N, C-alpha and C. Protein backbone atom coordinates (compact mmCIF):
# COMPACT_ATOMS: atom_id res chain seq x y z
N MET A 1 75.20 39.76 47.37
CA MET A 1 76.30 41.08 47.07
C MET A 1 76.87 40.54 45.83
N THR A 2 77.14 42.04 44.92
CA THR A 2 77.88 41.53 43.51
C THR A 2 79.18 42.40 43.52
N GLY A 3 79.92 41.50 42.64
CA GLY A 3 81.27 42.37 42.54
C GLY A 3 82.54 41.53 43.45
N PRO A 4 83.30 41.29 43.61
CA PRO A 4 84.50 41.26 44.29
C PRO A 4 84.15 42.00 45.74
N VAL A 5 84.91 40.84 46.58
CA VAL A 5 84.92 41.83 48.12
C VAL A 5 86.23 42.17 47.93
N PRO A 6 86.09 43.32 48.71
CA PRO A 6 87.55 43.91 48.87
C PRO A 6 88.48 43.39 50.09
N ILE A 7 89.96 43.25 49.50
CA ILE A 7 90.66 42.87 50.50
C ILE A 7 91.18 43.79 51.67
N GLN A 8 90.50 44.07 52.98
CA GLN A 8 90.80 45.08 53.90
C GLN A 8 92.49 44.88 54.57
N HIS A 9 93.00 45.82 54.22
CA HIS A 9 94.56 45.91 54.95
C HIS A 9 95.54 45.04 54.23
N ALA A 10 95.08 44.41 52.85
CA ALA A 10 96.08 43.31 52.35
C ALA A 10 97.29 44.01 51.73
N MET A 11 96.61 45.24 51.24
CA MET A 11 97.56 46.34 50.51
C MET A 11 97.28 47.51 50.72
N ALA A 12 98.25 48.33 50.55
CA ALA A 12 98.43 49.72 51.08
C ALA A 12 97.81 50.56 49.93
N SER A 13 97.15 51.44 50.00
CA SER A 13 96.25 52.53 49.15
C SER A 13 97.54 53.14 48.60
N ASP A 14 97.12 53.91 47.36
CA ASP A 14 98.29 54.61 46.81
C ASP A 14 98.92 55.87 47.76
N THR A 15 98.45 56.35 48.71
CA THR A 15 99.30 57.41 49.31
C THR A 15 99.57 56.69 50.82
N GLU A 16 99.15 55.46 50.80
CA GLU A 16 99.38 54.85 52.26
C GLU A 16 100.42 53.64 51.97
N PRO A 17 101.96 54.16 52.27
CA PRO A 17 102.68 53.14 52.59
C PRO A 17 102.08 51.51 53.31
N SER A 18 102.85 50.43 52.88
CA SER A 18 102.29 49.37 53.48
C SER A 18 103.34 49.19 55.09
N ASN A 19 102.74 48.56 56.11
CA ASN A 19 103.56 48.31 56.99
C ASN A 19 104.88 47.90 57.01
N ALA A 20 105.24 47.01 56.01
CA ALA A 20 106.37 46.83 55.43
C ALA A 20 107.37 47.35 55.39
N ILE A 21 106.87 48.65 54.13
CA ILE A 21 107.94 49.61 54.04
C ILE A 21 108.27 50.50 55.06
N LYS A 22 106.89 50.63 56.16
CA LYS A 22 106.99 51.72 57.08
C LYS A 22 108.27 51.18 57.85
N LEU A 23 108.06 49.55 58.39
CA LEU A 23 109.32 49.29 59.19
C LEU A 23 110.31 49.19 58.53
N LEU A 24 110.67 49.04 57.27
CA LEU A 24 111.94 48.72 56.68
C LEU A 24 112.61 50.37 56.50
N HIS A 25 111.64 51.19 56.32
CA HIS A 25 112.36 52.72 56.23
C HIS A 25 112.62 53.25 57.62
N LEU A 26 112.18 52.74 58.57
CA LEU A 26 112.35 53.40 60.34
C LEU A 26 113.68 52.51 60.34
N LEU A 27 113.60 51.39 59.95
CA LEU A 27 114.90 50.57 60.42
C LEU A 27 116.02 51.02 59.92
N VAL A 28 116.03 51.52 58.39
CA VAL A 28 117.19 52.12 57.62
C VAL A 28 117.77 53.24 58.26
N LEU A 29 116.29 54.21 58.58
CA LEU A 29 117.05 55.48 59.07
C LEU A 29 117.25 55.30 60.38
N SER A 30 116.98 54.73 61.20
CA SER A 30 117.44 54.66 62.57
C SER A 30 118.73 54.10 62.74
N THR A 31 118.79 52.93 62.01
CA THR A 31 120.27 52.17 62.18
C THR A 31 121.46 53.02 61.75
N SER A 32 121.19 54.35 60.66
CA SER A 32 121.95 55.14 60.07
C SER A 32 122.43 56.06 61.39
N TRP A 33 121.20 56.66 61.50
CA TRP A 33 121.49 57.53 62.64
C TRP A 33 121.88 56.90 63.99
N GLY A 34 121.90 55.65 64.43
CA GLY A 34 122.15 55.08 65.21
C GLY A 34 123.76 54.98 65.49
N MET A 35 124.04 54.80 64.08
CA MET A 35 125.61 54.46 64.09
C MET A 35 126.32 55.49 63.54
N GLN A 36 125.70 56.54 63.34
CA GLN A 36 126.46 57.79 63.10
C GLN A 36 126.72 58.60 64.46
N VAL A 37 125.69 58.40 65.44
CA VAL A 37 125.48 59.12 66.86
C VAL A 37 126.96 58.30 67.47
N TRP A 38 127.07 57.03 67.50
CA TRP A 38 128.08 56.27 68.22
C TRP A 38 129.35 56.18 67.62
N VAL A 39 129.56 56.42 66.34
CA VAL A 39 130.65 56.48 65.96
C VAL A 39 131.28 57.93 66.26
N THR A 40 130.19 59.02 66.32
CA THR A 40 130.76 60.34 66.34
C THR A 40 131.03 60.80 67.69
N PHE A 41 130.16 60.41 68.56
CA PHE A 41 130.15 60.88 69.85
C PHE A 41 130.66 60.06 70.94
N VAL A 42 130.56 58.54 70.71
CA VAL A 42 131.29 57.79 71.67
C VAL A 42 132.22 57.00 71.25
N ALA A 43 132.39 56.41 70.38
CA ALA A 43 133.93 55.56 70.29
C ALA A 43 134.61 56.32 69.72
N GLY A 44 134.85 57.38 68.85
CA GLY A 44 135.90 58.05 68.45
C GLY A 44 136.28 58.84 69.53
N PHE A 45 135.47 59.39 70.59
CA PHE A 45 136.16 59.97 71.74
C PHE A 45 136.80 58.93 72.79
N VAL A 46 136.12 57.85 72.74
CA VAL A 46 136.61 56.67 73.92
C VAL A 46 138.62 56.34 73.26
N MET A 47 138.13 55.84 71.91
CA MET A 47 139.19 55.34 71.18
C MET A 47 140.34 56.32 71.00
N SER A 48 140.25 57.93 70.80
CA SER A 48 141.35 59.10 71.06
C SER A 48 142.02 59.13 71.99
N ARG A 49 141.21 58.77 73.54
CA ARG A 49 141.73 58.97 74.57
C ARG A 49 142.50 57.77 75.18
N HIS A 50 142.14 56.72 74.53
CA HIS A 50 142.79 55.46 75.59
C HIS A 50 143.46 54.31 74.39
N LEU A 51 143.72 54.90 73.23
CA LEU A 51 144.63 54.19 72.55
C LEU A 51 145.67 55.05 71.65
N PRO A 52 146.82 54.32 71.93
CA PRO A 52 148.30 55.16 71.01
C PRO A 52 147.26 55.83 69.56
N ARG A 53 147.79 57.08 69.57
CA ARG A 53 147.31 57.69 68.40
C ARG A 53 147.54 56.99 66.93
N HIS A 54 148.77 56.42 66.53
CA HIS A 54 148.63 55.49 65.67
C HIS A 54 147.95 54.25 65.77
N THR A 55 147.64 53.34 66.71
CA THR A 55 146.53 52.55 66.36
C THR A 55 145.13 52.99 66.31
N PHE A 56 145.17 54.35 67.04
CA PHE A 56 143.36 55.01 66.78
C PHE A 56 143.13 55.67 65.11
N GLY A 57 144.29 55.85 64.55
CA GLY A 57 144.39 56.08 63.16
C GLY A 57 143.89 55.09 62.22
N SER A 58 144.87 53.71 62.58
CA SER A 58 145.02 52.78 61.86
C SER A 58 143.35 52.14 61.97
N ILE A 59 143.02 52.06 63.01
CA ILE A 59 141.63 51.79 62.93
C ILE A 59 140.29 52.51 62.39
N GLN A 60 140.51 53.46 62.53
CA GLN A 60 139.50 54.67 62.14
C GLN A 60 140.15 54.31 60.73
N ARG A 61 140.80 54.50 60.18
CA ARG A 61 141.43 54.10 58.28
C ARG A 61 140.68 52.86 57.97
N GLU A 62 140.74 51.86 58.72
CA GLU A 62 139.94 50.77 58.39
C GLU A 62 138.81 50.94 58.38
N LEU A 63 137.90 51.45 59.22
CA LEU A 63 136.83 51.19 59.75
C LEU A 63 135.80 52.30 58.74
N PHE A 64 136.54 53.56 58.57
CA PHE A 64 135.61 54.57 58.24
C PHE A 64 135.33 54.44 56.61
N PRO A 65 135.73 53.34 55.99
CA PRO A 65 135.31 53.15 54.43
C PRO A 65 133.80 52.73 54.46
N TYR A 66 134.10 51.39 55.27
CA TYR A 66 132.84 50.87 55.76
C TYR A 66 131.71 51.96 56.49
N TYR A 67 131.90 52.36 57.09
CA TYR A 67 130.98 53.76 57.82
C TYR A 67 130.37 54.51 56.77
N PHE A 68 131.15 55.29 56.01
CA PHE A 68 130.82 56.02 54.83
C PHE A 68 130.03 55.28 53.58
N HIS A 69 130.46 54.08 53.54
CA HIS A 69 129.49 53.53 52.64
C HIS A 69 127.77 52.81 52.89
N ILE A 70 128.02 52.77 54.39
CA ILE A 70 126.73 52.01 54.88
C ILE A 70 126.15 53.57 54.83
N SER A 71 126.32 54.62 55.57
CA SER A 71 125.92 55.64 55.69
C SER A 71 125.02 56.16 54.23
N SER A 72 126.07 55.68 53.19
CA SER A 72 125.44 56.49 51.88
C SER A 72 124.33 55.60 51.44
N THR A 73 124.25 54.11 51.33
CA THR A 73 123.49 53.12 51.15
C THR A 73 122.40 53.50 52.21
N CYS A 74 122.08 53.81 53.38
CA CYS A 74 121.25 54.39 54.04
C CYS A 74 120.85 55.47 53.84
N ALA A 75 120.98 56.24 53.29
CA ALA A 75 120.25 57.76 52.90
C ALA A 75 119.74 57.27 51.44
N PHE A 76 120.71 56.84 50.78
CA PHE A 76 119.99 56.43 49.57
C PHE A 76 118.45 55.63 49.63
N LEU A 77 119.03 54.22 50.14
CA LEU A 77 117.56 53.58 50.71
C LEU A 77 116.33 54.39 51.64
N SER A 78 116.61 55.57 52.44
CA SER A 78 115.59 56.16 53.07
C SER A 78 114.98 56.88 51.84
N LEU A 79 115.45 57.66 51.01
CA LEU A 79 115.14 58.52 49.90
C LEU A 79 114.20 57.57 49.17
N THR A 80 114.74 56.32 48.83
CA THR A 80 114.17 55.41 47.56
C THR A 80 112.55 54.97 48.64
N LEU A 81 112.77 54.74 49.96
CA LEU A 81 111.64 54.18 50.24
C LEU A 81 110.63 55.30 50.82
N PHE A 82 111.08 56.46 50.56
CA PHE A 82 109.97 57.89 50.98
C PHE A 82 109.37 58.12 49.86
N ALA A 83 110.31 58.05 48.60
CA ALA A 83 109.66 58.50 47.23
C ALA A 83 109.10 57.51 46.98
N MET A 84 108.86 56.05 47.14
CA MET A 84 108.15 54.95 46.64
C MET A 84 106.78 55.00 47.53
N SER A 85 106.84 55.95 48.35
CA SER A 85 105.47 55.98 49.33
C SER A 85 104.69 57.04 48.98
N HIS A 86 105.46 58.30 48.50
CA HIS A 86 105.25 59.47 48.12
C HIS A 86 105.39 60.27 46.79
N PRO A 87 104.36 59.91 45.73
CA PRO A 87 104.30 60.22 44.46
C PRO A 87 104.65 61.64 44.47
N SER A 88 105.71 61.86 43.24
CA SER A 88 105.88 63.03 43.03
C SER A 88 104.44 64.19 42.83
N GLU A 89 103.56 63.99 42.44
CA GLU A 89 102.49 64.91 41.81
C GLU A 89 101.40 65.12 43.00
N GLN A 90 101.92 64.31 44.23
CA GLN A 90 101.15 64.19 45.31
C GLN A 90 101.63 64.78 46.49
N LEU A 91 102.97 65.70 46.38
CA LEU A 91 103.80 65.90 47.61
C LEU A 91 103.43 67.13 48.02
N SER A 92 103.39 67.32 49.67
CA SER A 92 102.73 68.54 50.14
C SER A 92 104.11 69.05 50.40
N GLN A 93 104.16 70.45 50.88
CA GLN A 93 105.42 71.09 51.40
C GLN A 93 106.41 70.30 52.28
N GLU A 94 105.71 69.69 53.30
CA GLU A 94 106.07 68.97 54.35
C GLU A 94 106.81 67.98 53.69
N HIS A 95 106.52 67.45 52.64
CA HIS A 95 106.84 66.02 51.93
C HIS A 95 108.33 66.77 50.91
N LYS A 96 107.99 67.63 50.50
CA LYS A 96 108.95 68.34 49.44
C LYS A 96 110.05 68.50 50.37
N THR A 97 110.16 69.22 51.85
CA THR A 97 111.06 69.46 52.51
C THR A 97 111.77 68.02 52.97
N GLN A 98 111.08 67.24 53.44
CA GLN A 98 111.57 65.87 53.75
C GLN A 98 112.56 65.43 52.51
N THR A 99 112.36 65.61 51.26
CA THR A 99 112.85 64.86 50.06
C THR A 99 114.02 65.37 49.85
N ILE A 100 114.06 66.82 50.14
CA ILE A 100 115.43 68.10 50.16
C ILE A 100 116.47 67.42 51.52
N ILE A 101 115.70 67.07 52.78
CA ILE A 101 116.70 66.85 53.79
C ILE A 101 116.94 65.40 53.06
N PHE A 102 116.65 64.42 52.77
CA PHE A 102 117.17 63.21 52.05
C PHE A 102 118.48 63.33 51.33
N LEU A 103 118.03 64.17 50.05
CA LEU A 103 118.99 64.55 49.22
C LEU A 103 119.90 65.18 49.52
N VAL A 104 120.19 66.06 50.37
CA VAL A 104 121.39 66.63 51.36
C VAL A 104 122.06 65.50 51.95
N CYS A 105 121.29 64.72 52.87
CA CYS A 105 122.18 63.40 53.42
C CYS A 105 122.96 62.82 52.55
N ILE A 106 121.97 62.19 51.41
CA ILE A 106 123.17 61.39 50.17
C ILE A 106 124.08 62.23 49.70
N ALA A 107 123.78 63.44 49.50
CA ALA A 107 124.83 64.37 49.10
C ALA A 107 126.30 64.32 49.90
N ALA A 108 125.88 64.69 51.15
CA ALA A 108 126.88 65.00 52.42
C ALA A 108 127.45 63.15 52.65
N SER A 109 127.01 62.44 52.37
CA SER A 109 127.08 61.27 52.47
C SER A 109 128.07 60.51 51.56
N VAL A 110 127.66 60.64 50.23
CA VAL A 110 128.71 60.71 49.23
C VAL A 110 130.09 61.45 48.97
N LEU A 111 130.08 62.56 49.26
CA LEU A 111 131.09 63.48 49.51
C LEU A 111 132.03 62.99 50.56
N ASN A 112 131.23 62.37 51.31
CA ASN A 112 132.58 61.51 52.19
C ASN A 112 133.01 60.68 51.83
N THR A 113 131.99 59.76 51.36
CA THR A 113 132.60 58.65 51.06
C THR A 113 133.87 58.75 49.80
N GLN A 114 133.65 59.75 48.67
CA GLN A 114 134.08 59.76 47.51
C GLN A 114 135.36 60.81 47.60
N CYS A 115 135.22 61.64 48.58
CA CYS A 115 136.26 62.91 49.05
C CYS A 115 136.86 63.10 50.08
N PHE A 116 135.94 63.58 50.95
CA PHE A 116 137.13 64.12 52.20
C PHE A 116 137.14 62.90 52.92
N GLY A 117 136.56 62.03 53.33
CA GLY A 117 136.98 60.70 54.42
C GLY A 117 137.63 60.03 53.69
N ARG A 118 137.80 59.73 52.14
CA ARG A 118 139.16 59.21 51.63
C ARG A 118 140.21 59.67 51.60
N ALA A 119 140.04 61.21 51.45
CA ALA A 119 141.51 62.08 51.37
C ALA A 119 142.07 61.99 52.83
N ALA A 120 141.13 61.95 53.67
CA ALA A 120 141.65 61.83 55.32
C ALA A 120 142.04 60.98 55.57
N SER A 121 141.95 59.83 55.59
CA SER A 121 142.49 58.59 55.36
C SER A 121 143.86 58.45 54.70
N GLU A 122 143.85 58.93 53.47
CA GLU A 122 145.27 58.79 52.56
C GLU A 122 146.34 59.66 53.53
N LEU A 123 145.71 60.87 54.03
CA LEU A 123 146.77 61.84 54.67
C LEU A 123 147.46 61.23 55.96
N VAL A 124 146.25 60.71 56.85
CA VAL A 124 146.73 59.85 57.84
C VAL A 124 147.57 58.93 57.73
N ALA A 125 147.55 58.09 56.46
CA ALA A 125 148.49 57.14 56.83
C ALA A 125 149.93 57.83 56.38
N GLU A 126 149.88 59.11 55.25
CA GLU A 126 151.23 59.88 55.14
C GLU A 126 151.91 60.34 56.37
N LEU A 127 150.97 60.94 57.02
CA LEU A 127 151.58 61.80 58.52
C LEU A 127 152.04 60.49 59.76
N GLN A 128 151.33 59.07 59.45
CA GLN A 128 151.97 58.54 60.50
C GLN A 128 153.40 58.11 59.82
N ARG A 129 153.54 57.77 58.50
CA ARG A 129 154.95 57.41 58.28
C ARG A 129 155.76 58.81 58.56
N VAL A 130 155.63 59.82 58.79
CA VAL A 130 156.78 60.69 58.59
C VAL A 130 156.70 60.96 60.64
N GLU A 131 155.66 60.68 61.59
CA GLU A 131 155.74 60.54 63.01
C GLU A 131 156.44 59.72 63.08
N GLN A 132 156.33 58.22 62.47
CA GLN A 132 157.24 56.92 62.46
C GLN A 132 158.48 56.96 62.82
N SER A 133 159.37 57.86 61.85
CA SER A 133 160.40 58.08 61.49
C SER A 133 161.16 59.09 62.37
N HIS A 134 160.21 59.81 63.28
CA HIS A 134 160.65 60.39 64.27
C HIS A 134 160.34 59.87 65.47
N GLY A 135 160.07 58.35 65.95
CA GLY A 135 159.37 57.88 66.61
C GLY A 135 158.44 58.35 67.42
N LEU A 136 157.52 58.78 66.83
CA LEU A 136 156.33 59.48 67.03
C LEU A 136 154.97 58.37 66.87
N GLY A 137 154.04 58.34 67.63
CA GLY A 137 152.70 57.84 67.45
C GLY A 137 152.14 56.90 68.36
N GLN A 138 153.10 56.59 69.51
CA GLN A 138 152.54 55.47 70.25
C GLN A 138 152.22 56.45 71.39
N GLU A 139 151.87 57.57 71.73
CA GLU A 139 151.43 58.72 72.53
C GLU A 139 149.83 58.39 72.83
N LEU A 140 149.55 58.60 73.89
CA LEU A 140 148.06 58.84 74.44
C LEU A 140 147.57 59.85 74.14
N GLY A 141 146.24 59.91 73.92
CA GLY A 141 145.31 61.02 74.11
C GLY A 141 146.18 62.72 74.11
N LEU A 142 146.06 63.53 74.66
CA LEU A 142 146.50 64.85 74.69
C LEU A 142 147.86 64.59 74.85
N ALA A 143 148.97 63.61 75.37
CA ALA A 143 150.40 63.89 75.43
C ALA A 143 150.85 63.94 74.33
N ALA A 144 150.00 63.78 73.13
CA ALA A 144 150.44 63.43 71.54
C ALA A 144 150.85 64.98 71.02
N ARG A 145 150.12 65.95 71.47
CA ARG A 145 150.51 67.35 70.78
C ARG A 145 151.37 67.96 71.02
N GLU A 146 152.49 68.20 72.04
CA GLU A 146 153.49 69.00 71.88
C GLU A 146 154.36 68.21 70.94
N PRO A 147 154.59 66.81 70.83
CA PRO A 147 155.77 66.38 70.20
C PRO A 147 155.50 66.73 68.40
N ARG A 148 154.02 66.70 68.52
CA ARG A 148 153.45 66.60 66.66
C ARG A 148 153.75 68.22 66.55
N ARG A 149 153.83 69.07 67.55
CA ARG A 149 153.58 70.60 67.48
C ARG A 149 155.13 70.98 67.37
N GLN A 150 155.98 70.39 67.62
CA GLN A 150 157.58 70.49 67.66
C GLN A 150 158.20 70.23 66.01
N LEU A 151 157.41 68.73 65.95
CA LEU A 151 157.78 68.45 64.55
C LEU A 151 156.96 69.33 63.23
N ARG A 152 155.97 69.93 63.26
CA ARG A 152 155.21 70.90 62.38
C ARG A 152 156.12 71.73 62.12
N ALA A 153 156.55 72.56 63.64
CA ALA A 153 157.76 73.53 63.61
C ALA A 153 159.12 73.24 62.61
N SER A 154 159.38 71.90 62.76
CA SER A 154 160.79 71.99 62.19
C SER A 154 160.57 71.52 60.83
N ASP A 155 159.52 71.03 60.30
CA ASP A 155 159.07 70.29 59.32
C ASP A 155 158.35 70.93 58.11
N PRO A 156 158.50 71.31 57.54
CA PRO A 156 157.55 72.19 56.43
C PRO A 156 156.83 71.24 55.46
N ALA A 157 157.53 69.95 55.30
CA ALA A 157 156.52 68.90 54.74
C ALA A 157 155.60 68.32 55.47
N TYR A 158 155.97 68.14 56.74
CA TYR A 158 154.90 67.82 57.56
C TYR A 158 154.05 68.52 58.09
N ARG A 159 154.06 69.89 57.85
CA ARG A 159 153.31 71.14 58.36
C ARG A 159 152.43 71.12 57.11
N ARG A 160 152.61 71.26 55.84
CA ARG A 160 151.81 70.96 54.88
C ARG A 160 150.72 69.32 55.16
N LEU A 161 151.15 68.75 54.95
CA LEU A 161 150.51 67.48 55.35
C LEU A 161 149.70 67.69 56.57
N ALA A 162 149.73 67.98 57.47
CA ALA A 162 149.04 68.48 58.79
C ALA A 162 147.89 69.24 58.61
N ARG A 163 148.29 70.43 57.74
CA ARG A 163 147.31 71.36 57.14
C ARG A 163 146.28 70.96 56.43
N SER A 164 146.85 69.84 55.62
CA SER A 164 146.10 69.79 54.67
C SER A 164 144.80 68.55 55.22
N PHE A 165 145.66 67.66 56.04
CA PHE A 165 144.84 66.45 56.98
C PHE A 165 143.59 67.10 57.74
N ALA A 166 143.86 68.28 58.72
CA ALA A 166 142.94 69.29 59.26
C ALA A 166 141.84 69.53 58.41
N LEU A 167 142.15 70.18 57.41
CA LEU A 167 140.87 70.71 56.38
C LEU A 167 140.05 69.47 55.94
N HIS A 168 140.60 68.17 55.24
CA HIS A 168 140.25 67.15 55.05
C HIS A 168 138.92 66.80 55.87
N HIS A 169 139.71 66.50 57.25
CA HIS A 169 138.93 66.02 58.57
C HIS A 169 137.95 66.65 58.90
N ALA A 170 138.11 68.23 58.65
CA ALA A 170 137.14 69.36 59.33
C ALA A 170 136.07 69.10 58.36
N LEU A 171 136.18 69.10 56.83
CA LEU A 171 135.17 69.11 55.98
C LEU A 171 134.82 67.46 55.93
N SER A 172 135.47 66.43 56.30
CA SER A 172 134.65 65.09 56.60
C SER A 172 133.47 65.24 57.69
N ALA A 173 133.91 65.90 58.74
CA ALA A 173 133.43 65.94 60.16
C ALA A 173 132.28 66.98 60.17
N LEU A 174 132.11 67.55 59.28
CA LEU A 174 130.44 68.72 58.44
C LEU A 174 130.16 68.03 57.93
N CYS A 175 130.21 67.32 57.02
CA CYS A 175 129.42 66.30 56.19
C CYS A 175 128.70 65.36 57.13
N ASN A 176 129.63 64.66 58.55
CA ASN A 176 128.88 63.86 59.15
C ASN A 176 128.14 64.23 59.80
N LEU A 177 128.49 65.79 60.61
CA LEU A 177 127.45 66.09 60.98
C LEU A 177 126.20 66.70 60.47
N LEU A 178 125.95 66.73 59.14
CA LEU A 178 125.14 67.15 58.59
C LEU A 178 124.22 66.09 58.06
N CYS A 179 124.91 64.78 58.12
CA CYS A 179 124.14 63.64 58.00
C CYS A 179 123.37 63.61 59.28
N ILE A 180 124.08 63.34 60.11
CA ILE A 180 123.17 63.36 61.63
C ILE A 180 121.86 64.15 61.96
N LEU A 181 122.17 65.57 61.49
CA LEU A 181 121.46 66.10 61.61
C LEU A 181 120.16 66.09 60.81
N CYS A 182 120.64 65.71 59.37
CA CYS A 182 119.08 65.44 58.60
C CYS A 182 118.37 64.23 59.07
N ASN A 183 119.44 63.29 59.44
CA ASN A 183 118.63 61.89 59.98
C ASN A 183 118.03 62.09 61.08
N GLY A 184 118.62 63.07 62.13
CA GLY A 184 117.76 63.33 63.07
C GLY A 184 116.13 64.02 62.90
N LEU A 185 116.08 65.00 61.65
CA LEU A 185 115.29 65.90 61.38
C LEU A 185 114.36 64.32 60.65
N SER A 186 114.89 63.74 60.16
CA SER A 186 113.95 62.56 59.49
C SER A 186 113.04 61.95 60.38
N LEU A 187 113.78 61.58 61.52
CA LEU A 187 113.26 60.74 62.72
C LEU A 187 111.93 61.36 63.09
N ARG A 188 112.86 62.73 63.69
CA ARG A 188 111.41 64.08 64.23
C ARG A 188 110.22 63.81 63.26
N HIS A 189 110.32 63.81 61.78
CA HIS A 189 109.66 63.84 60.87
C HIS A 189 108.49 62.55 60.91
N LEU A 190 109.29 61.44 61.21
CA LEU A 190 108.49 60.20 61.55
C LEU A 190 107.82 60.21 62.50
N ALA A 191 108.60 60.75 63.73
CA ALA A 191 107.86 60.40 65.35
C ALA A 191 106.44 61.39 65.33
N ALA A 192 106.45 62.36 64.38
CA ALA A 192 105.43 63.51 64.43
C ALA A 192 104.02 62.78 63.70
N GLN A 193 104.28 61.75 62.87
CA GLN A 193 103.33 61.23 62.50
C GLN A 193 102.84 59.67 63.36
N LEU A 194 103.33 59.49 64.19
CA LEU A 194 102.88 58.77 65.24
C LEU A 194 101.49 58.95 66.13
N SER A 195 101.09 58.19 66.28
CA SER A 195 99.49 58.50 66.79
C SER A 195 99.56 58.00 68.20
N ALA A 196 100.53 57.08 68.32
CA ALA A 196 101.01 56.17 69.81
C ALA A 196 102.07 55.44 69.57
N LEU A 197 102.44 54.98 71.05
CA LEU A 197 103.60 54.33 70.77
C LEU A 197 103.39 52.82 70.94
């Protein structure tokens, strides 16, 4: 036999990522999606129903910057790992679509981190200051609605703050749901590549 003996499976080919890259990509993507689903559909609902409003708001103000930064980092890492394994000159339409999904996820995550989530957190702090001055904030769940409705009716400045918060919160929630959808589509794409469990 002449020439060097090829090392089988030691290195990935130009188009096939290594198992380490595949594992890292799956870990980053599933961690991000799992965190997003938990925070959005479990933790938020449970805390909002069982904690005083201001306690709930304070916890979210402390946790959300970490949540948004972790989501942004995971979105960026997912795209980076995907791009490392799929050179742009060899992208199929399916891979181009997947790249767009990653870019949308990054954009939504960064918007939440830098704009909507940050603004909503700052507005919550202002709302809480006004509510505390009126003896509000320790109510649980739905019991908090009527006193806040009355305060909105009697205080134009509070009403403006509440409207601004509602807008920023809605935009933040929309970005968050968009990230969940993008990560879900990416996980579906990965699952479609599996030949066995």
